[in-house]
Structure formats: C-alpha cells, structure tokens
Amino acid sequence: MDPVLQSLFSGLPNLVLQFAAAAAIYCAGIAAYKRLTPYHELDLIRSGNVATAIVLAGALIGLALPIGATLARSLSVLDILVWGAVASVLQAAAFGLASLLLRELPARVERGDIAAALVAAAVQLSVGIVNAGAMSG
C-alpha cells in the first residue's frame, strides 16, 4: 500500500477522535460563555446588533486559538478536554476583565456600542492568543 494512504488510514481514527473532543469542549465553552452574558447573543445579532456580533466573534476566535494550540501539543483526548476547559475558564475571565475595564459592558453591548464591543473583543482575542502561546509550550 502507498505510504501516504497507509498513514491516512492509520491516523484518521485519531484525528476524528481528537477533532470530536476539541469540538465538544469548544461547544461547551461557548455555551458556558453565553450563559455568563446577561443578554441573548443570537437574538440581538438577528435583530442587527453589530456590537453583539463583534463581542461574540471575539469569544469564538479567542477560544478557538488555545484549543487549536492544545490540539497541536496534545498527548491524549483527556489532554484536549482538560486544557480546553482551562481555555474556557480563561475566556470567561477575559469577558470579566473587559467588563471591569468598561463599565456596564453588557448593557453597552445590548445598546449596540461598537467602541465597547471592539475593546471587549480585543481583550478576548488577546487572552486567547497569549493562552494559545502558553499552551503550545
């Protein structure tokens, strides 16, 4: 058998398992994040609230970065789940930090305050980038 195909068939089950674990912890992290915010992101986005979309995009990308780094360095599925959970907690802390920096952040986002949303998203992305770097070793 061709070495490339042999490598594909031997590595594919592990890839699927790791991807599923990463997707599960990512979805759980986003669900937890959405519970922390006092507003309903998808409803606000559907009604055209750009500020909410910016903050949610920051959270989505900010969480994906360290989970991706974890995938690159993971030794097992448990590794992915544990470090993905750590990344989720740090992203929640990033939203908390942004809320401390910007008074009444949730209300401002609900009102569509783009300036506040950009700073909140930048905090989330910054935490995600630093977290990814720390996790990748």
N, C-alpha and C. Protein backbone atom coordinates (compact mmCIF):
# COMPACT_ATOMS: atom_id res chain seq x y z
N MET A 1 0.84 -1.17 0.00
CA MET A 1 0.00 0.00 0.00
C MET A 1 0.89 1.24 0.00
N ASP A 2 0.43 2.27 -0.65
CA ASP A 2 1.14 3.54 -0.71
C ASP A 2 1.33 4.08 0.71
N PRO A 3 2.53 4.58 1.04
CA PRO A 3 2.79 5.09 2.40
C PRO A 3 1.86 6.23 2.81
N VAL A 4 1.47 7.06 1.85
CA VAL A 4 0.58 8.17 2.17
C VAL A 4 -0.79 7.64 2.58
N LEU A 5 -1.32 6.70 1.83
CA LEU A 5 -2.62 6.11 2.17
C LEU A 5 -2.54 5.34 3.48
N GLN A 6 -1.45 4.65 3.69
CA GLN A 6 -1.27 3.90 4.94
C GLN A 6 -1.26 4.86 6.13
N SER A 7 -0.57 5.97 5.96
CA SER A 7 -0.54 6.98 7.01
C SER A 7 -1.93 7.56 7.26
N LEU A 8 -2.67 7.80 6.18
CA LEU A 8 -4.03 8.33 6.30
C LEU A 8 -4.91 7.36 7.08
N PHE A 9 -4.91 6.11 6.69
CA PHE A 9 -5.78 5.13 7.34
C PHE A 9 -5.38 4.86 8.79
N SER A 10 -4.11 4.94 9.08
CA SER A 10 -3.69 4.70 10.47
C SER A 10 -3.92 5.93 11.35
N GLY A 11 -3.85 7.12 10.78
CA GLY A 11 -4.01 8.34 11.56
C GLY A 11 -5.41 8.90 11.61
N LEU A 12 -6.27 8.51 10.67
CA LEU A 12 -7.61 9.08 10.57
C LEU A 12 -8.47 8.84 11.83
N PRO A 13 -8.49 7.66 12.40
CA PRO A 13 -9.30 7.48 13.61
C PRO A 13 -8.88 8.41 14.75
N ASN A 14 -7.58 8.62 14.92
CA ASN A 14 -7.10 9.52 15.96
C ASN A 14 -7.50 10.96 15.65
N LEU A 15 -7.40 11.35 14.40
CA LEU A 15 -7.81 12.69 14.01
C LEU A 15 -9.28 12.92 14.31
N VAL A 16 -10.13 11.98 13.94
CA VAL A 16 -11.57 12.11 14.18
C VAL A 16 -11.85 12.20 15.68
N LEU A 17 -11.20 11.38 16.47
CA LEU A 17 -11.40 11.39 17.91
C LEU A 17 -10.94 12.73 18.52
N GLN A 18 -9.78 13.20 18.13
CA GLN A 18 -9.28 14.47 18.66
C GLN A 18 -10.15 15.65 18.19
N PHE A 19 -10.57 15.61 16.94
CA PHE A 19 -11.43 16.68 16.43
C PHE A 19 -12.75 16.70 17.19
N ALA A 20 -13.32 15.52 17.43
CA ALA A 20 -14.59 15.44 18.17
C ALA A 20 -14.42 15.97 19.59
N ALA A 21 -13.32 15.63 20.24
CA ALA A 21 -13.07 16.13 21.60
C ALA A 21 -12.92 17.65 21.58
N ALA A 22 -12.17 18.16 20.62
CA ALA A 22 -11.97 19.61 20.53
C ALA A 22 -13.29 20.32 20.23
N ALA A 23 -14.09 19.76 19.34
CA ALA A 23 -15.39 20.36 19.01
C ALA A 23 -16.31 20.34 20.22
N ALA A 24 -16.28 19.27 20.97
CA ALA A 24 -17.14 19.16 22.15
C ALA A 24 -16.75 20.19 23.21
N ILE A 25 -15.46 20.32 23.49
CA ILE A 25 -15.03 21.27 24.52
C ILE A 25 -15.23 22.70 24.03
N TYR A 26 -15.09 22.93 22.74
CA TYR A 26 -15.33 24.25 22.16
C TYR A 26 -16.80 24.64 22.33
N CYS A 27 -17.70 23.72 21.96
CA CYS A 27 -19.14 23.99 22.09
C CYS A 27 -19.53 24.19 23.55
N ALA A 28 -18.97 23.39 24.43
CA ALA A 28 -19.25 23.54 25.86
C ALA A 28 -18.74 24.89 26.37
N GLY A 29 -17.57 25.29 25.92
CA GLY A 29 -17.01 26.58 26.33
C GLY A 29 -17.85 27.75 25.85
N ILE A 30 -18.31 27.68 24.61
CA ILE A 30 -19.15 28.75 24.07
C ILE A 30 -20.49 28.77 24.79
N ALA A 31 -21.05 27.60 25.06
CA ALA A 31 -22.33 27.54 25.79
C ALA A 31 -22.18 28.16 27.18
N ALA A 32 -21.07 27.85 27.86
CA ALA A 32 -20.82 28.42 29.18
C ALA A 32 -20.65 29.94 29.08
N TYR A 33 -19.92 30.39 28.07
CA TYR A 33 -19.72 31.82 27.86
C TYR A 33 -21.06 32.52 27.65
N LYS A 34 -21.92 31.92 26.82
CA LYS A 34 -23.22 32.53 26.54
C LYS A 34 -24.09 32.60 27.79
N ARG A 35 -23.92 31.66 28.70
CA ARG A 35 -24.67 31.71 29.96
C ARG A 35 -24.18 32.82 30.87
N LEU A 36 -22.90 33.18 30.74
CA LEU A 36 -22.34 34.26 31.56
C LEU A 36 -22.83 35.63 31.14
N THR A 37 -23.11 35.78 29.88
CA THR A 37 -23.56 37.08 29.39
C THR A 37 -25.06 37.22 29.68
N PRO A 38 -25.47 38.36 30.17
CA PRO A 38 -26.87 38.52 30.55
C PRO A 38 -27.82 38.77 29.38
N TYR A 39 -27.29 38.82 28.19
CA TYR A 39 -28.14 39.04 27.02
C TYR A 39 -28.14 37.81 26.12
N HIS A 40 -29.05 37.78 25.19
CA HIS A 40 -29.17 36.65 24.26
C HIS A 40 -28.53 37.04 22.93
N GLU A 41 -27.28 36.57 22.75
CA GLU A 41 -26.48 36.99 21.61
C GLU A 41 -27.18 36.78 20.27
N LEU A 42 -27.67 35.58 20.05
CA LEU A 42 -28.23 35.28 18.74
C LEU A 42 -29.46 36.12 18.43
N ASP A 43 -30.30 36.39 19.42
CA ASP A 43 -31.46 37.25 19.20
C ASP A 43 -31.02 38.66 18.84
N LEU A 44 -30.03 39.18 19.57
CA LEU A 44 -29.54 40.52 19.28
C LEU A 44 -28.88 40.59 17.90
N ILE A 45 -28.12 39.57 17.55
CA ILE A 45 -27.46 39.55 16.24
C ILE A 45 -28.49 39.48 15.13
N ARG A 46 -29.52 38.64 15.32
CA ARG A 46 -30.59 38.54 14.31
C ARG A 46 -31.31 39.87 14.12
N SER A 47 -31.36 40.68 15.18
CA SER A 47 -32.03 41.98 15.06
C SER A 47 -31.07 43.06 14.54
N GLY A 48 -29.83 42.67 14.23
CA GLY A 48 -28.90 43.61 13.61
C GLY A 48 -27.93 44.29 14.55
N ASN A 49 -27.78 43.79 15.76
CA ASN A 49 -26.87 44.40 16.73
C ASN A 49 -25.43 43.98 16.40
N VAL A 50 -24.71 44.87 15.76
CA VAL A 50 -23.34 44.60 15.33
C VAL A 50 -22.40 44.47 16.52
N ALA A 51 -22.62 45.25 17.56
CA ALA A 51 -21.76 45.19 18.73
C ALA A 51 -21.77 43.79 19.34
N THR A 52 -22.93 43.20 19.43
CA THR A 52 -23.03 41.84 19.97
C THR A 52 -22.28 40.85 19.09
N ALA A 53 -22.39 41.02 17.78
CA ALA A 53 -21.68 40.14 16.86
C ALA A 53 -20.17 40.27 17.02
N ILE A 54 -19.69 41.47 17.25
CA ILE A 54 -18.25 41.69 17.44
C ILE A 54 -17.77 40.99 18.71
N VAL A 55 -18.51 41.15 19.81
CA VAL A 55 -18.10 40.55 21.07
C VAL A 55 -18.15 39.02 20.97
N LEU A 56 -19.21 38.49 20.36
CA LEU A 56 -19.30 37.03 20.21
C LEU A 56 -18.19 36.51 19.30
N ALA A 57 -17.88 37.24 18.23
CA ALA A 57 -16.78 36.82 17.35
C ALA A 57 -15.46 36.78 18.11
N GLY A 58 -15.23 37.76 18.97
CA GLY A 58 -14.02 37.76 19.80
C GLY A 58 -13.96 36.54 20.69
N ALA A 59 -15.10 36.17 21.28
CA ALA A 59 -15.15 34.99 22.14
C ALA A 59 -14.93 33.71 21.34
N LEU A 60 -15.55 33.61 20.17
CA LEU A 60 -15.41 32.41 19.34
C LEU A 60 -13.95 32.20 18.92
N ILE A 61 -13.34 33.25 18.42
CA ILE A 61 -11.95 33.13 17.97
C ILE A 61 -11.01 33.01 19.16
N GLY A 62 -11.28 33.78 20.20
CA GLY A 62 -10.43 33.73 21.40
C GLY A 62 -10.40 32.36 22.04
N LEU A 63 -11.47 31.61 21.93
CA LEU A 63 -11.49 30.25 22.47
C LEU A 63 -10.89 29.25 21.48
N ALA A 64 -11.10 29.47 20.20
CA ALA A 64 -10.57 28.54 19.18
C ALA A 64 -9.04 28.52 19.17
N LEU A 65 -8.42 29.66 19.41
CA LEU A 65 -6.96 29.73 19.35
C LEU A 65 -6.27 28.78 20.34
N PRO A 66 -6.60 28.84 21.64
CA PRO A 66 -5.93 27.92 22.56
C PRO A 66 -6.34 26.46 22.36
N ILE A 67 -7.57 26.22 21.94
CA ILE A 67 -7.95 24.83 21.68
C ILE A 67 -7.16 24.29 20.49
N GLY A 68 -6.93 25.12 19.49
CA GLY A 68 -6.09 24.71 18.37
C GLY A 68 -4.66 24.43 18.82
N ALA A 69 -4.15 25.27 19.70
CA ALA A 69 -2.79 25.04 20.23
C ALA A 69 -2.74 23.75 21.03
N THR A 70 -3.80 23.49 21.76
CA THR A 70 -3.87 22.25 22.54
C THR A 70 -3.84 21.04 21.61
N LEU A 71 -4.55 21.13 20.51
CA LEU A 71 -4.55 20.03 19.54
C LEU A 71 -3.15 19.77 19.00
N ALA A 72 -2.42 20.84 18.78
CA ALA A 72 -1.07 20.69 18.23
C ALA A 72 -0.12 20.01 19.21
N ARG A 73 -0.38 20.13 20.51
CA ARG A 73 0.54 19.61 21.51
C ARG A 73 -0.03 18.48 22.36
N SER A 74 -1.26 18.08 22.09
CA SER A 74 -1.93 17.13 22.99
C SER A 74 -1.32 15.74 22.92
N LEU A 75 -1.39 15.09 24.05
CA LEU A 75 -0.92 13.71 24.16
C LEU A 75 -2.08 12.72 24.15
N SER A 76 -3.27 13.24 24.45
CA SER A 76 -4.45 12.36 24.53
C SER A 76 -5.71 13.20 24.43
N VAL A 77 -6.84 12.52 24.33
CA VAL A 77 -8.13 13.21 24.31
C VAL A 77 -8.36 13.90 25.65
N LEU A 78 -7.96 13.26 26.73
CA LEU A 78 -8.11 13.87 28.05
C LEU A 78 -7.32 15.18 28.12
N ASP A 79 -6.15 15.21 27.54
CA ASP A 79 -5.34 16.42 27.44
C ASP A 79 -6.13 17.54 26.78
N ILE A 80 -6.78 17.24 25.67
CA ILE A 80 -7.57 18.23 24.93
C ILE A 80 -8.71 18.74 25.79
N LEU A 81 -9.38 17.83 26.46
CA LEU A 81 -10.54 18.22 27.28
C LEU A 81 -10.12 19.07 28.48
N VAL A 82 -9.05 18.68 29.15
CA VAL A 82 -8.61 19.43 30.33
C VAL A 82 -8.13 20.82 29.94
N TRP A 83 -7.25 20.90 28.94
CA TRP A 83 -6.74 22.21 28.55
C TRP A 83 -7.78 23.05 27.85
N GLY A 84 -8.72 22.41 27.17
CA GLY A 84 -9.85 23.14 26.58
C GLY A 84 -10.72 23.76 27.65
N ALA A 85 -10.91 23.03 28.75
CA ALA A 85 -11.68 23.57 29.88
C ALA A 85 -10.95 24.76 30.50
N VAL A 86 -9.64 24.64 30.63
CA VAL A 86 -8.84 25.76 31.14
C VAL A 86 -9.00 26.98 30.22
N ALA A 87 -8.94 26.75 28.93
CA ALA A 87 -9.11 27.85 27.96
C ALA A 87 -10.48 28.49 28.11
N SER A 88 -11.50 27.68 28.34
CA SER A 88 -12.87 28.20 28.51
C SER A 88 -12.96 29.09 29.74
N VAL A 89 -12.34 28.67 30.82
CA VAL A 89 -12.35 29.47 32.06
C VAL A 89 -11.62 30.79 31.82
N LEU A 90 -10.49 30.73 31.12
CA LEU A 90 -9.74 31.96 30.85
C LEU A 90 -10.52 32.91 29.94
N GLN A 91 -11.29 32.37 29.00
CA GLN A 91 -12.11 33.23 28.14
C GLN A 91 -13.21 33.90 28.95
N ALA A 92 -13.79 33.15 29.88
CA ALA A 92 -14.81 33.76 30.76
C ALA A 92 -14.17 34.88 31.58
N ALA A 93 -12.95 34.63 32.05
CA ALA A 93 -12.23 35.66 32.81
C ALA A 93 -11.94 36.88 31.92
N ALA A 94 -11.68 36.64 30.64
CA ALA A 94 -11.43 37.75 29.73
C ALA A 94 -12.66 38.64 29.60
N PHE A 95 -13.83 38.02 29.54
CA PHE A 95 -15.06 38.81 29.48
C PHE A 95 -15.23 39.59 30.79
N GLY A 96 -14.91 38.93 31.90
CA GLY A 96 -14.96 39.61 33.19
C GLY A 96 -14.00 40.79 33.25
N LEU A 97 -12.80 40.60 32.72
CA LEU A 97 -11.81 41.68 32.67
C LEU A 97 -12.31 42.84 31.82
N ALA A 98 -12.86 42.50 30.66
CA ALA A 98 -13.41 43.55 29.79
C ALA A 98 -14.55 44.28 30.49
N SER A 99 -15.34 43.55 31.25
CA SER A 99 -16.45 44.18 32.00
C SER A 99 -15.92 45.13 33.08
N LEU A 100 -14.78 44.78 33.67
CA LEU A 100 -14.18 45.68 34.67
C LEU A 100 -13.61 46.94 34.00
N LEU A 101 -13.02 46.75 32.82
CA LEU A 101 -12.44 47.89 32.11
C LEU A 101 -13.51 48.84 31.58
N LEU A 102 -14.61 48.27 31.16
CA LEU A 102 -15.68 49.05 30.54
C LEU A 102 -16.94 48.95 31.40
N ARG A 103 -17.24 49.98 32.09
CA ARG A 103 -18.42 49.96 32.96
C ARG A 103 -19.66 49.64 32.15
N GLU A 104 -20.50 48.82 32.76
CA GLU A 104 -21.79 48.44 32.17
C GLU A 104 -21.63 47.82 30.78
N LEU A 105 -20.60 47.00 30.60
CA LEU A 105 -20.34 46.40 29.29
C LEU A 105 -21.56 45.67 28.71
N PRO A 106 -22.20 44.77 29.45
CA PRO A 106 -23.34 44.08 28.85
C PRO A 106 -24.43 45.03 28.34
N ALA A 107 -24.75 46.04 29.13
CA ALA A 107 -25.78 47.00 28.70
C ALA A 107 -25.31 47.78 27.48
N ARG A 108 -24.03 48.12 27.45
CA ARG A 108 -23.50 48.86 26.31
C ARG A 108 -23.54 48.01 25.04
N VAL A 109 -23.22 46.74 25.18
CA VAL A 109 -23.27 45.84 24.02
C VAL A 109 -24.72 45.71 23.54
N GLU A 110 -25.63 45.54 24.47
CA GLU A 110 -27.05 45.43 24.09
C GLU A 110 -27.53 46.68 23.37
N ARG A 111 -27.01 47.83 23.77
CA ARG A 111 -27.39 49.09 23.10
C ARG A 111 -26.71 49.26 21.74
N GLY A 112 -25.73 48.40 21.44
CA GLY A 112 -25.05 48.49 20.15
C GLY A 112 -23.81 49.36 20.15
N ASP A 113 -23.19 49.54 21.30
CA ASP A 113 -21.99 50.37 21.43
C ASP A 113 -20.80 49.64 20.79
N ILE A 114 -20.45 50.05 19.58
CA ILE A 114 -19.38 49.40 18.81
C ILE A 114 -18.02 49.60 19.49
N ALA A 115 -17.76 50.77 20.04
CA ALA A 115 -16.47 51.04 20.68
C ALA A 115 -16.24 50.07 21.83
N ALA A 116 -17.23 49.90 22.68
CA ALA A 116 -17.11 48.96 23.80
C ALA A 116 -16.95 47.53 23.29
N ALA A 117 -17.68 47.19 22.26
CA ALA A 117 -17.61 45.83 21.70
C ALA A 117 -16.22 45.54 21.15
N LEU A 118 -15.62 46.50 20.48
CA LEU A 118 -14.29 46.29 19.91
C LEU A 118 -13.24 46.08 21.01
N VAL A 119 -13.34 46.84 22.08
CA VAL A 119 -12.39 46.66 23.18
C VAL A 119 -12.60 45.30 23.83
N ALA A 120 -13.85 44.92 24.05
CA ALA A 120 -14.14 43.61 24.66
C ALA A 120 -13.63 42.48 23.77
N ALA A 121 -13.85 42.58 22.47
CA ALA A 121 -13.36 41.55 21.55
C ALA A 121 -11.84 41.51 21.54
N ALA A 122 -11.20 42.67 21.59
CA ALA A 122 -9.74 42.72 21.61
C ALA A 122 -9.18 42.07 22.87
N VAL A 123 -9.83 42.28 24.00
CA VAL A 123 -9.40 41.64 25.24
C VAL A 123 -9.52 40.13 25.10
N GLN A 124 -10.65 39.66 24.56
CA GLN A 124 -10.85 38.22 24.40
C GLN A 124 -9.84 37.61 23.43
N LEU A 125 -9.59 38.30 22.34
CA LEU A 125 -8.60 37.80 21.38
C LEU A 125 -7.20 37.81 21.98
N SER A 126 -6.86 38.85 22.70
CA SER A 126 -5.54 38.94 23.32
C SER A 126 -5.34 37.82 24.32
N VAL A 127 -6.32 37.57 25.15
CA VAL A 127 -6.22 36.47 26.11
C VAL A 127 -6.11 35.14 25.36
N GLY A 128 -6.87 34.97 24.30
CA GLY A 128 -6.81 33.74 23.51
C GLY A 128 -5.44 33.52 22.88
N ILE A 129 -4.84 34.59 22.36
CA ILE A 129 -3.52 34.48 21.73
C ILE A 129 -2.45 34.14 22.77
N VAL A 130 -2.46 34.85 23.89
CA VAL A 130 -1.47 34.57 24.95
C VAL A 130 -1.67 33.17 25.50
N ASN A 131 -2.92 32.79 25.70
CA ASN A 131 -3.23 31.45 26.19
C ASN A 131 -2.75 30.38 25.21
N ALA A 132 -2.97 30.59 23.92
CA ALA A 132 -2.52 29.64 22.90
C ALA A 132 -1.00 29.51 22.93
N GLY A 133 -0.32 30.63 23.05
CA GLY A 133 1.14 30.60 23.13
C GLY A 133 1.61 29.84 24.34
N ALA A 134 0.98 30.07 25.47
CA ALA A 134 1.36 29.36 26.70
C ALA A 134 1.09 27.87 26.59
N MET A 135 -0.02 27.51 25.95
CA MET A 135 -0.37 26.10 25.82
C MET A 135 0.48 25.36 24.80
N SER A 136 1.02 26.10 23.86
CA SER A 136 1.82 25.43 22.83
C SER A 136 3.28 25.28 23.26
N GLY A 137 3.60 25.81 24.41
CA GLY A 137 4.83 25.50 25.05
C GLY A 137 6.02 26.29 24.85
